[in-house]
Protein backbone atom coordinates (compact mmCIF):
# COMPACT_ATOMS: atom_id res chain seq x y z
CA MET A 1 113.37 63.68 21.30
CA SER A 2 111.38 61.13 19.42
CA ARG A 3 108.33 62.17 17.40
CA ARG A 4 105.09 60.19 17.58
CA ASN A 5 102.58 60.38 14.82
CA ASN A 6 99.16 59.08 15.87
CA VAL A 7 97.72 59.15 12.37
CA ARG A 8 98.53 55.95 10.52
CA GLY A 9 97.32 54.32 7.39
CA PRO A 10 96.64 50.60 6.91
CA THR A 11 99.59 48.33 7.72
CA SER A 12 100.26 44.65 7.28
CA ALA A 13 100.28 42.25 10.20
CA LEU A 14 104.08 41.82 10.00
CA THR A 15 104.73 45.56 10.09
CA GLU A 16 102.38 45.92 13.01
CA PHE A 17 104.12 43.13 14.92
CA LEU A 18 107.63 44.59 14.33
CA ARG A 19 106.50 48.04 15.39
CA GLU A 20 105.08 46.67 18.61
CA SER A 21 108.40 44.91 19.24
CA GLY A 22 110.30 48.22 18.92
CA ILE A 23 111.62 47.65 15.40
CA THR A 24 110.58 50.67 13.37
CA PRO A 25 112.08 52.54 10.39
CA THR A 26 113.44 55.14 12.85
CA THR A 27 115.40 52.65 14.90
CA ILE A 28 116.75 50.93 11.79
CA ALA A 29 117.87 54.29 10.39
CA ARG A 30 119.64 55.12 13.65
CA ARG A 31 121.45 51.77 13.58
CA VAL A 32 122.66 52.36 10.04
CA ARG A 33 123.79 55.89 10.92
CA THR A 34 125.68 54.64 13.99
CA GLN A 35 127.46 51.97 12.01
CA ALA A 36 128.40 54.49 9.35
CA GLN A 37 129.86 56.91 11.85
CA THR A 38 131.88 54.31 13.79
CA ALA A 39 133.34 52.52 10.79
CA PRO A 40 136.07 55.06 9.58
CA GLN A 41 137.46 55.94 13.05
CA PRO A 42 141.18 54.96 13.55
CA GLN A 43 141.91 52.16 15.88
CA THR A 44 143.66 53.01 19.16
CA GLU A 45 145.77 50.89 21.29
CA ALA A 46 144.02 48.06 22.82
CA GLY A 47 143.47 48.33 26.48
CA PRO A 48 140.72 47.95 28.83
CA SER A 49 141.07 51.42 30.25
CA ASN A 50 141.14 53.12 26.87
CA ALA A 51 138.15 51.16 25.57
CA ALA A 52 136.15 51.94 28.57
CA ASP A 53 137.06 55.59 28.54
CA THR A 54 136.36 55.94 24.86
CA GLY A 55 132.95 54.30 25.03
CA THR A 56 131.97 56.35 28.00
CA THR A 57 133.13 59.62 26.49
CA ASP A 58 131.36 59.00 23.15
CA ALA A 59 128.14 58.04 24.78
CA ALA A 60 128.22 61.05 27.02
CA ARG A 61 129.23 63.40 24.18
CA ASN A 62 126.52 62.43 21.70
CA PRO A 63 123.79 60.45 23.44
CA THR A 64 120.92 61.23 21.10
CA GLU A 65 122.49 60.58 17.68
CA GLU A 66 124.81 57.62 18.09
CA TYR A 67 123.50 54.17 18.91
CA ASP A 68 125.01 50.75 18.77
CA SER A 69 123.20 47.42 18.60
CA ASP A 70 123.76 46.79 22.29
CA HIS A 71 121.72 49.80 23.33
CA LEU A 72 118.71 49.54 20.99
CA ASP A 73 116.35 48.24 23.66
CA GLU A 74 117.44 50.71 26.30
CA PRO A 75 114.89 53.39 27.13
CA GLU A 76 115.45 56.84 25.77
CA GLU A 77 116.37 59.64 28.04
CA GLU A 78 113.36 61.41 29.36
CA GLU A 79 113.02 65.03 28.49
CA PRO A 80 112.35 67.48 31.24
CA THR A 81 108.63 67.74 31.65
CA PRO A 82 107.29 71.11 30.63
CA LYS A 83 105.38 73.15 33.11
CA LYS A 84 101.69 72.39 32.85
CA ARG A 85 99.31 75.15 32.06
CA LYS A 86 96.39 75.55 34.36
CA LEU A 87 93.17 74.52 32.56
CA THR A 88 89.87 76.22 32.97
CA LYS A 89 86.90 74.30 34.36
CA ALA A 90 85.31 74.04 30.92
CA ALA A 91 88.50 72.63 29.43
CA GLU A 92 88.84 70.12 32.26
CA ALA A 93 85.25 68.93 31.74
CA LYS A 94 85.85 68.57 28.03
CA LEU A 95 89.02 66.56 28.62
CA LYS A 96 87.27 64.22 31.04
CA ALA A 97 84.44 63.62 28.54
CA LYS A 98 86.96 62.65 25.88
CA GLU A 99 88.68 60.20 28.21
CA LYS A 100 85.35 58.57 29.16
CA GLU A 101 84.39 58.21 25.52
CA LYS A 102 87.74 56.59 24.73
CA ALA A 103 87.32 54.11 27.59
CA LYS A 104 83.83 53.15 26.42
CA ARG A 105 85.13 52.60 22.92
CA LYS A 106 87.74 50.15 24.13
CA LYS A 107 85.26 48.11 26.16
CA GLY A 108 82.25 48.06 23.85
CA LYS A 109 83.64 47.64 20.36
CA LYS A 110 85.23 44.43 19.19
CA GLY A 111 87.26 44.30 16.00
CA ALA A 112 87.55 48.07 15.76
CA SER A 113 89.99 49.55 13.27
CA ASP A 114 93.50 50.58 14.27
CA ASP A 115 92.60 54.25 13.88
CA GLU A 116 90.51 54.17 17.05
CA TYR A 117 93.40 53.37 19.38
CA GLU A 118 96.51 55.24 20.57
CA ASP A 119 99.98 53.76 20.25
CA ASP A 120 100.47 53.83 24.02
CA ASP A 121 97.37 51.66 24.62
CA GLU A 122 98.69 48.67 22.70
CA ASP A 123 100.78 45.84 24.04
CA ALA A 124 102.33 42.72 22.54
CA TYR A 125 99.23 40.61 23.14
CA THR A 126 96.95 43.14 21.48
CA ALA A 127 99.24 43.35 18.50
CA LEU A 128 99.41 39.57 18.12
CA SER A 129 95.63 39.20 18.33
CA LYS A 130 95.17 41.70 15.56
CA MET A 131 97.07 39.45 13.22
CA TRP A 132 94.11 37.03 13.02
CA LYS A 133 91.18 39.43 12.70
CA GLY A 134 90.87 39.11 8.95
CA ASP A 135 93.85 41.32 8.14
CA LEU A 136 95.67 38.43 6.48
CA PRO A 137 94.87 38.32 2.78
CA LYS A 138 93.45 35.20 1.25
CA PRO A 139 96.13 33.00 -0.29
CA PRO A 140 96.33 33.15 -4.08
CA VAL A 141 94.25 30.66 -6.05
CA GLY A 142 96.29 27.59 -6.90
CA SER A 143 98.56 27.77 -3.88
CA PHE A 144 98.76 25.07 -1.22
CA GLU A 145 97.53 25.52 2.34
CA ASP A 146 97.10 23.28 5.37
CA CYS A 147 93.54 22.93 6.61
CA ALA A 148 93.07 24.56 10.02
CA ARG A 149 90.88 21.68 11.16
CA CYS A 150 92.14 18.42 9.64
CA ASP A 151 95.75 19.58 8.90
CA LYS A 152 95.58 18.15 5.39
CA GLN A 153 97.13 20.03 2.53
CA PHE A 154 94.69 21.32 -0.10
CA THR A 155 94.69 23.58 -3.12
CA VAL A 156 93.24 27.06 -2.61
CA THR A 157 90.36 27.95 -4.91
CA LYS A 158 87.98 30.87 -5.09
CA TYR A 159 85.54 28.85 -2.98
CA THR A 160 87.96 28.39 -0.07
CA LEU A 161 86.51 29.68 3.24
CA ALA A 162 88.35 31.08 6.24
CA ALA A 163 88.26 29.11 9.48
CA ASN A 164 85.88 30.20 12.20
CA PRO A 165 87.37 30.88 14.68
CA PRO A 166 90.57 32.02 12.94
CA PRO A 167 93.37 31.66 12.03
CA GLY A 168 93.73 29.65 8.86
CA PHE A 169 91.52 28.31 6.09
CA LEU A 170 89.35 25.21 5.64
CA CYS A 171 89.37 22.57 2.94
CA HIS A 172 86.07 21.93 1.12
CA LEU A 173 85.21 18.85 3.19
CA CYS A 174 85.70 20.62 6.51
CA ALA A 175 83.84 23.68 5.25
CA LYS A 176 80.80 21.54 4.39
CA ALA A 177 81.07 19.67 7.70
CA SER A 178 80.91 22.99 9.55
CA GLY A 179 77.54 23.77 7.98
CA ALA A 180 78.72 26.32 5.42
CA ASP A 181 78.27 25.79 1.70
CA PRO A 182 81.38 27.06 -0.10
CA PHE A 183 79.63 26.85 -3.50
CA LYS A 184 76.52 28.80 -2.47
CA LYS A 185 76.04 31.95 -4.45
CA PRO A 186 75.38 35.08 -2.42
CA ALA A 187 71.74 36.14 -2.46
CA LEU A 188 71.18 39.16 -4.62
CA PRO A 189 69.31 42.03 -3.00
CA ARG A 190 65.69 42.13 -4.01
CA LYS A 191 65.03 44.96 -6.37
CA ARG A 192 61.91 46.92 -5.73
CA LYS A 193 59.97 48.33 -8.57
CA ALA A 194 60.01 52.03 -8.90
CA PRO A 195 56.66 53.68 -8.20
CA SER A 196 56.35 54.49 -11.89
CA ASP A 197 56.64 50.78 -12.82
CA LYS A 198 54.00 49.45 -10.45
CA ARG A 199 50.63 48.35 -11.69
CA LYS A 200 47.92 50.94 -11.41
CA VAL A 201 44.32 49.83 -10.98
CA VAL A 202 41.61 52.32 -11.80
CA ASN A 203 37.93 51.95 -10.99
CA PHE A 204 35.64 54.31 -12.84
CA GLU A 205 32.75 54.67 -10.44
CA GLU A 206 30.03 57.23 -10.52
CA ARG A 207 30.45 59.85 -7.84
CA LYS A 208 27.23 60.89 -6.21
CA PHE A 209 26.49 63.48 -3.61
CA PRO A 210 25.28 61.73 -0.44
CA THR A 211 21.59 62.02 0.16
CA LEU A 212 20.16 63.06 3.48
CA ALA A 213 19.00 59.50 4.11
CA SER A 214 22.47 58.07 3.43
CA MET A 215 24.07 60.60 5.77
CA CYS A 216 21.61 59.69 8.51
CA ILE A 217 22.30 55.98 7.98
CA GLU A 218 26.04 56.58 8.26
CA LEU A 219 25.57 58.59 11.44
CA ILE A 220 23.33 55.93 12.99
CA SER A 221 25.79 53.19 12.11
CA LYS A 222 28.63 55.13 13.70
CA HIS A 223 26.77 55.61 16.96
CA ILE A 224 24.66 52.45 16.91
CA ASP A 225 25.48 51.62 20.53
CA ASP A 226 23.94 54.93 21.67
CA VAL A 227 20.68 54.49 19.75
CA GLU A 228 17.70 53.45 21.85
CA ALA A 229 15.20 52.88 19.05
CA LEU A 230 15.14 53.20 15.26
CA GLY A 231 11.42 53.80 15.01
CA ASP A 232 9.43 53.51 11.81
CA ILE A 233 12.12 54.18 9.20
CA GLY A 234 10.95 51.70 6.59
CA GLY A 235 12.27 48.36 5.43
CA ILE A 236 14.65 49.79 2.83
CA ASN A 237 16.45 52.06 5.26
CA MET A 238 16.53 49.30 7.86
CA ASP A 239 18.25 47.06 5.33
CA GLU A 240 20.79 49.78 4.50
CA ILE A 241 21.66 50.19 8.17
CA ALA A 242 22.16 46.44 8.48
CA LYS A 243 24.55 46.50 5.49
CA SER A 244 26.44 49.44 6.95
CA LEU A 245 26.93 47.63 10.26
CA ALA A 246 28.14 44.52 8.44
CA ARG A 247 30.99 46.45 6.83
CA ASN A 248 32.77 46.96 10.15
CA ARG A 249 31.20 44.01 12.01
CA SER A 250 29.43 46.22 14.54
CA LEU A 251 26.35 44.09 15.11
CA THR A 252 26.33 42.84 18.72
CA PRO A 253 23.82 41.23 21.09
CA GLN A 254 23.33 44.66 22.66
CA ASN A 255 22.33 46.59 19.52
CA VAL A 256 20.71 43.86 17.41
CA PRO A 257 17.29 44.31 19.19
CA LEU A 258 16.99 47.58 17.27
CA PHE A 259 16.12 45.46 14.22
CA TYR A 260 13.50 43.38 16.04
CA ASP A 261 9.79 43.97 15.94
CA ILE A 262 6.83 41.72 16.57
CA ALA A 263 5.26 42.90 13.31
CA HIS A 264 8.24 42.07 11.14
CA THR A 265 7.83 39.26 8.62
CA LYS A 266 11.28 39.55 7.00
CA LEU A 267 14.65 39.94 8.66
CA THR A 268 18.13 40.01 7.13
CA LEU A 269 21.36 40.30 9.11
CA TYR A 270 24.41 40.41 6.87
CA ASP A 271 26.98 39.65 9.59
CA ALA A 272 25.94 37.68 12.67
CA THR A 273 29.48 36.79 13.71
CA ASN A 274 29.17 38.40 17.15
CA LEU A 275 25.73 37.00 17.92
CA THR A 276 25.92 34.28 20.56
CA PRO A 277 23.43 31.38 20.84
CA PRO A 278 21.36 33.20 23.52
CA ALA A 279 21.13 36.26 21.26
CA LEU A 280 19.94 34.10 18.35
CA CYS A 281 17.34 32.46 20.60
CA THR A 282 16.13 35.92 21.60
CA LEU A 283 15.77 36.75 17.89
CA ALA A 284 13.07 34.10 17.57
CA SER A 285 11.28 35.22 20.74
CA LEU A 286 11.09 38.89 19.71
CA ASN A 287 10.16 38.22 16.06
CA PRO A 288 7.53 35.46 16.25
CA ASN A 289 5.83 36.37 12.97
CA LEU A 290 8.87 36.02 10.71
CA THR A 291 8.30 34.25 7.41
CA HIS A 292 11.67 35.01 5.76
CA LEU A 293 14.95 34.89 7.69
CA ARG A 294 18.48 35.34 6.37
CA LEU A 295 21.62 35.21 8.52
CA ASP A 296 25.12 35.48 7.07
CA PHE A 297 28.18 34.29 8.99
CA CYS A 298 26.15 32.61 11.70
CA GLY A 299 28.96 30.33 12.83
CA ARG A 300 27.93 30.41 16.51
CA MET A 301 24.54 28.89 15.86
CA ASP A 302 24.16 25.50 17.54
CA ASN A 303 21.48 22.94 18.41
CA THR A 304 19.92 25.11 21.11
CA VAL A 305 19.20 27.83 18.56
CA MET A 306 17.53 25.41 16.15
CA ASP A 307 15.43 24.00 18.96
CA ALA A 308 14.32 27.50 19.92
CA TRP A 309 13.43 28.32 16.32
CA SER A 310 11.45 25.11 16.04
CA THR A 311 9.00 26.38 18.66
CA SER A 312 9.22 30.21 18.40
CA LEU A 313 9.01 30.69 14.60
CA PRO A 314 5.91 28.78 13.54
CA HIS A 315 5.28 30.88 10.39
CA LEU A 316 8.72 30.55 8.85
CA LYS A 317 8.58 29.90 5.09
CA ARG A 318 12.11 30.60 3.93
CA VAL A 319 15.42 30.35 5.78
CA GLU A 320 18.86 31.20 4.37
CA LEU A 321 21.96 30.51 6.46
CA LEU A 322 25.65 31.00 5.71
CA GLY A 323 28.01 28.96 7.88
CA PRO A 324 25.87 27.00 10.39
CA PHE A 325 28.82 24.74 11.22
CA LEU A 326 27.76 23.64 14.70
CA VAL A 327 24.22 22.46 13.97
CA ARG A 328 24.00 18.67 14.09
CA ALA A 329 21.71 16.28 12.23
CA PRO A 330 19.10 15.74 15.03
CA ALA A 331 18.57 19.51 15.36
CA TRP A 332 18.04 19.85 11.59
CA GLN A 333 15.52 17.06 11.58
CA THR A 334 13.57 18.56 14.50
CA PHE A 335 13.46 21.90 12.72
CA PHE A 336 12.14 20.36 9.47
CA LYS A 337 9.42 18.46 11.28
CA ALA A 338 8.31 21.64 13.05
CA HIS A 339 7.99 23.58 9.75
CA PRO A 340 6.04 21.46 7.25
CA GLY A 341 5.18 24.56 5.25
CA LEU A 342 8.81 25.44 4.51
CA GLU A 343 9.22 26.61 0.91
CA GLY A 344 12.84 27.68 0.85
CA PHE A 345 15.81 26.05 2.54
CA LEU A 346 19.17 27.52 1.56
CA ILE A 347 22.36 26.68 3.46
CA THR A 348 26.04 27.13 2.70
CA GLN A 349 28.91 25.36 4.46
CA SER A 350 27.19 22.89 6.76
CA PRO A 351 29.48 19.86 7.27
CA ARG A 352 27.04 17.96 9.52
CA PHE A 353 24.10 17.96 7.11
CA ASP A 354 23.78 14.31 6.01
CA LEU A 355 21.57 12.03 3.92
CA GLU A 356 19.10 11.41 6.74
CA CYS A 357 18.56 15.17 7.08
CA MET A 358 17.87 15.34 3.34
CA GLN A 359 15.29 12.58 3.58
CA VAL A 360 13.49 14.21 6.54
CA LEU A 361 13.49 17.55 4.72
CA VAL A 362 11.78 16.12 1.62
CA GLU A 363 9.29 14.10 3.63
CA SER A 364 8.38 16.92 6.02
CA CYS A 365 8.35 19.79 3.49
CA PRO A 366 6.81 18.46 0.26
CA GLY A 367 6.11 21.99 -1.03
CA LEU A 368 9.78 23.01 -1.13
CA LYS A 369 10.46 25.41 -4.00
CA GLU A 370 14.03 26.54 -3.28
CA LEU A 371 16.85 24.23 -2.26
CA ARG A 372 20.48 25.17 -1.80
CA LEU A 373 23.08 22.73 -0.52
CA LYS A 374 26.24 24.66 -1.32
CA GLU A 375 29.63 23.50 -0.08
CA VAL A 376 28.09 20.67 1.92
CA GLY A 377 30.81 18.17 2.76
CA LYS A 378 28.71 15.00 2.67
CA LEU A 379 26.88 15.73 -0.58
CA ASP A 380 27.07 12.81 -3.04
CA ASP A 381 24.91 10.89 -5.51
CA THR A 382 22.75 9.44 -2.73
CA PHE A 383 21.36 12.91 -1.95
CA LEU A 384 19.81 13.11 -5.42
CA GLU A 385 17.31 10.30 -4.91
CA PRO A 386 15.25 12.14 -2.24
CA ILE A 387 15.36 15.34 -4.32
CA LYS A 388 13.47 13.55 -7.11
CA LEU A 389 10.41 13.51 -4.83
CA LEU A 390 10.20 17.30 -5.23
CA ALA A 391 9.31 16.98 -8.93
CA GLY A 392 6.72 19.51 -10.01
CA THR A 393 7.35 21.95 -7.16
CA LEU A 394 11.10 22.59 -7.02
CA ALA A 395 11.98 25.70 -9.04
CA SER A 396 15.46 26.61 -7.81
CA LEU A 397 18.27 24.10 -7.20
CA ASP A 398 21.83 24.82 -6.10
CA LEU A 399 24.20 21.88 -5.60
CA SER A 400 27.41 23.77 -6.26
CA TYR A 401 30.88 23.05 -4.92
CA PRO A 402 30.24 19.83 -3.01
CA GLY A 403 32.63 18.96 -0.20
CA VAL A 404 35.88 17.04 -0.27
CA GLU A 405 34.87 14.02 1.77
CA LYS A 406 34.11 12.12 -1.46
CA THR A 407 36.50 11.97 -4.37
CA GLU A 408 33.65 12.05 -6.90
CA PRO A 409 30.71 13.88 -5.30
CA LEU A 410 28.23 14.04 -8.18
CA SER A 411 28.51 11.94 -11.29
CA SER A 412 27.16 12.97 -14.68
CA ASP A 413 24.74 10.01 -14.88
CA ALA A 414 23.22 10.77 -11.47
CA VAL A 415 22.68 14.44 -12.35
CA ILE A 416 21.11 13.54 -15.72
CA ASP A 417 18.78 11.14 -13.93
CA LEU A 418 17.83 13.90 -11.48
CA LEU A 419 17.06 16.38 -14.27
CA SER A 420 14.86 13.87 -16.00
CA ALA A 421 12.63 13.96 -12.90
CA ILE A 422 12.65 17.65 -11.87
CA GLY A 423 13.94 19.49 -14.97
CA ASN A 424 10.52 20.53 -16.26
CA SER A 425 9.87 22.83 -13.27
CA LEU A 426 13.34 24.32 -12.76
CA THR A 427 13.90 28.03 -13.43
CA HIS A 428 17.32 28.31 -11.72
CA LEU A 429 20.11 25.71 -11.75
CA ASP A 430 23.57 26.02 -10.23
CA LEU A 431 25.95 23.06 -10.57
CA SER A 432 29.26 24.93 -10.32
CA GLY A 433 32.32 23.08 -9.15
CA ASN A 434 31.09 19.58 -10.09
CA ILE A 435 34.18 18.55 -11.99
CA ASN A 436 32.64 15.40 -13.47
CA LEU A 437 30.04 17.27 -15.54
CA GLY A 438 30.90 17.80 -19.20
CA ASP A 439 29.33 18.05 -22.63
CA GLY A 440 27.35 14.86 -22.12
CA PHE A 441 25.48 16.49 -19.24
CA LEU A 442 24.46 19.36 -21.54
CA PHE A 443 23.15 17.13 -24.34
CA ASN A 444 21.57 14.39 -22.22
CA GLY A 445 20.47 16.41 -19.21
CA LEU A 446 19.71 20.04 -19.95
CA LYS A 447 18.67 19.85 -23.59
CA PRO A 448 15.88 17.23 -23.34
CA HIS A 449 14.58 17.89 -19.81
CA THR A 450 14.52 21.65 -19.12
CA ARG A 451 11.60 23.79 -20.28
CA LYS A 452 11.48 26.84 -17.97
CA LEU A 453 15.10 27.54 -17.17
CA THR A 454 15.98 31.25 -17.09
CA SER A 455 19.09 31.25 -14.89
CA LEU A 456 22.02 28.89 -15.52
CA VAL A 457 25.26 28.81 -13.51
CA LEU A 458 27.94 26.33 -14.63
CA ALA A 459 31.16 27.86 -13.35
CA ASN A 460 34.39 25.91 -13.00
CA LEU A 461 33.48 22.80 -15.02
CA PRO A 462 36.77 21.76 -16.63
CA GLU A 463 35.17 18.99 -18.72
CA LEU A 464 33.20 21.45 -20.85
CA THR A 465 34.57 22.19 -24.32
CA ASP A 466 34.15 25.16 -26.61
CA ALA A 467 32.68 23.05 -29.44
CA GLY A 468 30.31 21.23 -27.10
CA VAL A 469 28.90 24.39 -25.52
CA ALA A 470 28.53 26.03 -28.94
CA GLU A 471 26.62 23.05 -30.34
CA PHE A 472 24.41 22.90 -27.24
CA PHE A 473 23.20 26.50 -27.58
CA ASN A 474 22.87 26.25 -31.38
CA THR A 475 20.63 23.16 -31.20
CA TRP A 476 18.79 23.67 -27.88
CA ALA A 477 15.66 25.23 -29.32
CA SER A 478 15.55 23.26 -32.57
CA ALA A 479 15.87 19.92 -30.76
CA ALA A 480 12.76 20.63 -28.67
CA GLU A 481 10.77 21.74 -31.70
CA GLU A 482 11.68 18.55 -33.55
CA ASP A 483 10.34 16.51 -30.64
CA GLY A 484 7.14 18.56 -30.56
CA LEU A 485 7.98 20.11 -27.18
CA THR A 486 8.00 23.69 -26.01
CA PRO A 487 11.56 24.94 -26.27
CA ASN A 488 13.28 26.45 -23.29
CA PRO A 489 12.96 30.26 -23.19
CA ARG A 490 15.92 32.57 -23.54
CA LEU A 491 18.19 32.73 -20.53
CA ILE A 492 18.24 35.90 -18.45
CA THR A 493 21.25 35.13 -16.24
CA VAL A 494 24.25 33.10 -17.43
CA ASP A 495 27.44 32.37 -15.50
CA LEU A 496 30.02 30.24 -17.33
CA SER A 497 33.06 31.73 -15.62
CA ARG A 498 36.34 29.96 -14.84
CA ASN A 499 36.03 27.70 -17.89
CA GLU A 500 39.23 28.66 -19.65
CA VAL A 501 38.73 26.37 -22.66
CA LEU A 502 35.55 28.17 -23.73
CA SER A 503 36.11 30.69 -26.46
CA SER A 504 34.54 32.62 -29.32
CA ASP A 505 32.34 29.84 -30.76
CA ALA A 506 30.60 29.29 -27.42
CA LEU A 507 30.03 33.03 -26.97
CA TYR A 508 28.58 33.47 -30.47
CA ALA A 509 26.17 30.58 -29.89
CA LEU A 510 25.15 31.86 -26.45
CA LEU A 511 24.41 35.34 -27.79
CA LYS A 512 22.48 33.90 -30.70
CA HIS A 513 20.29 31.85 -28.36
CA SER A 514 19.78 34.20 -25.40
CA GLY A 515 21.35 37.53 -26.33
CA PRO A 516 18.17 39.67 -26.50
CA ALA A 517 17.03 38.56 -23.00
CA LEU A 518 20.35 38.59 -21.14
CA THR A 519 20.60 40.95 -18.17
CA GLN A 520 23.59 39.36 -16.39
CA LEU A 521 26.52 37.66 -18.11
CA ASN A 522 29.70 36.32 -16.56
CA ILE A 523 32.43 34.92 -18.82
CA ASN A 524 35.35 35.63 -16.49
CA GLY A 525 38.40 33.60 -17.46
CA TRP A 526 37.63 33.01 -21.16
CA LYS A 527 41.20 33.94 -22.00
CA SER A 528 41.15 33.07 -25.71
CA VAL A 529 37.88 34.72 -26.75
CA SER A 530 38.43 37.18 -29.59
CA ASP A 531 37.77 40.91 -29.50
CA ASP A 532 35.21 40.54 -32.32
CA ALA A 533 33.20 38.10 -30.20
CA LEU A 534 33.40 40.46 -27.24
CA GLU A 535 32.13 43.35 -29.33
CA MET A 536 29.22 41.16 -30.37
CA ILE A 537 27.95 41.27 -26.76
CA ALA A 538 26.97 44.89 -27.16
CA ALA A 539 25.28 44.17 -30.50
CA LYS A 540 23.22 41.19 -29.32
CA ALA A 541 22.60 41.82 -25.60
CA ARG A 542 21.05 45.29 -25.54
CA GLU A 543 19.24 44.62 -22.22
CA LEU A 544 22.45 43.81 -20.38
CA ARG A 545 22.82 45.38 -16.93
CA TRP A 546 25.78 43.53 -15.41
CA LEU A 547 28.82 42.10 -17.23
CA ASP A 548 32.05 40.42 -16.12
CA ILE A 549 34.71 39.96 -18.82
CA GLY A 550 37.65 39.74 -16.45
CA TRP A 551 40.74 37.94 -17.78
CA CYS A 552 39.43 38.01 -21.33
CA ARG A 553 42.77 39.03 -22.76
CA GLU A 554 41.49 40.45 -26.04
CA ALA A 555 39.18 42.99 -24.38
CA ASN A 556 40.19 46.51 -25.38
CA ASP A 557 38.87 50.06 -25.45
CA TRP A 558 36.73 49.33 -28.50
CA VAL A 559 34.83 46.62 -26.61
CA ILE A 560 34.05 49.07 -23.80
CA LYS A 561 33.06 51.74 -26.32
CA ALA A 562 30.57 49.37 -27.94
CA LEU A 563 29.04 48.59 -24.53
CA MET A 564 28.74 52.28 -23.66
CA ASP A 565 27.14 53.10 -27.00
CA LYS A 566 24.66 50.22 -27.36
CA CYS A 567 23.81 48.87 -23.89
CA GLU A 568 21.79 51.71 -22.42
CA LYS A 569 20.77 49.86 -19.24
CA ILE A 570 24.18 48.59 -18.23
CA THR A 571 25.41 49.77 -14.80
CA ASP A 572 28.41 47.59 -13.90
CA VAL A 573 31.29 46.21 -15.96
CA LYS A 574 34.16 44.20 -14.47
CA VAL A 575 37.37 44.08 -16.47
CA TRP A 576 39.98 42.72 -14.06
CA GLY A 577 43.02 41.29 -15.84
CA CYS A 578 42.29 42.91 -19.23
CA GLN A 579 45.74 44.28 -20.02
CA ARG A 580 44.79 45.85 -23.32
CA LEU A 581 42.48 48.33 -21.69
CA THR A 582 43.84 51.80 -20.96
CA VAL A 583 42.85 54.54 -18.56
CA THR A 584 41.44 56.42 -21.54
CA CYS A 585 38.78 53.81 -22.24
CA PRO A 586 35.33 55.29 -22.94
CA ARG A 587 33.08 55.97 -19.97
CA ARG A 588 29.50 56.99 -19.39
CA ARG A 589 27.49 58.41 -16.54
CA HIS A 590 25.79 55.92 -14.22
CA VAL A 591 28.15 53.13 -15.37
CA ASN A 592 30.79 51.69 -13.02
CA ILE A 593 33.86 50.09 -14.62
CA HIS A 594 35.88 48.05 -12.13
CA GLY A 595 39.50 46.94 -12.52
CA VAL A 596 41.06 48.87 -15.37
CA GLU A 597 44.71 47.85 -15.05
CA ALA A 598 47.14 50.09 -16.85
CA GLN A 599 50.71 51.21 -16.35
CA SER A 600 51.02 54.56 -14.67
CA ALA A 601 53.12 55.77 -17.57
CA MET A 602 50.12 55.66 -19.86
């Protein structure tokens, strides 16, 4: 009786093939034993009858132990089958489940290991196919192999790739031709930072108990679609509700009439994204007495809306719009002609506003005091000529970030020429993003022509230098006195952010000139300013209320401590990107510190 052992370890392809062909260690051992037993027997007389009798007798006498080479492939004698035990129903069900699982395994899994199959389930074809499933080891480096595709002999290296489909290996040329790169390094798995190594951002904000009014505003905003009327809740609370709705973009044509009233003279909607042109036309019909109107994100406004406003808002004095993309030049011109008393026109991102619109605006509204043309695509030097006609009345001018239709939107000479005409009346000037403006603009434009400026915004002007800005502030007042003119007063608001070349000298000069009057200061991006200069802010600008020193790399806890100790009116400090600050930096009640970045291990 032969013994079968179904548990096998890993075998080579050759061993597997021989076993499937019936050549196993057991059969080889039996052959050797048979030869050993038959060798010493004495020879008998030759004769066909004796040979036949002897062979038959030996085979009958010892059929299980003695084999010769002629009978290796003959089937073994079958043992009498034992009497089967009767299985219970539970055992039969369990046996059937195992058989089903085995059948599924054979059908569904390709390239399974040898351990998943019984010996009786394998045939010669299965055994031969297993020889080419990756079991063959890669030839040693330096040996010679024939390419499976081009049949050329090549030297095996560590970059040699196996053929797909197998068997065999490919030379480098055939490997590249197949789309695989044999020299490509395997991509390393991306390592994720442990939670303890990640950056931790801390905002120190004052925690306040919600007031009854704030709780009511939050409740109204949550159920705004169920509110029938807001009633007389005051302008401040109405504005807070509008801000609350803008946070989740809940303002719709159905609930916006809650903010309308025939007696209203000012209206601000912080997110008009969902308001369609008919809804914006209704705004003018239900608020005919408006004098100040502000709409943010009014991208759906078109010519029909401007035409409706031209007739339904006769008292409009100031209009501020963010994103009126669809309004065309004829509609703008009609609106200007219908409002000759317009005093403030402030738009952002209007690509269709052109030179002709600018000319009609100046001619129709000679009393214009505020003008903002921010991110207007067609803005160039030709726009500045009509603006000169507003000399003596224009107090606020914003020509920041002109569009990209022109390679050089505003030149330094054109801006200097403009300031020579209107500089005496300006109190606010914003020329951010005009990359052609440099130190020459400061000395030839601002210094000789401005006399009332209190707010200056010159962000993102790469042509400015630290020495030039420092000299400008150091000589601004003295130059006017030498010419017998009234010097410009101290600045209240200064924004010189995103000018990375500005440093300590410019900050010292700015604080010396305007420090006592400063209430808002933005020097974000002055990466090389020293900590001593930053501490000087607290010593010179005691009236400061808002400060942004983000990405000033020398800012540390001592700078914040000086601000907390000396600037009693300060309420907001932004310190994004200041890596020397720690979570233990000094704090004070009623002061919000935004962006303290420190490792969580601190």
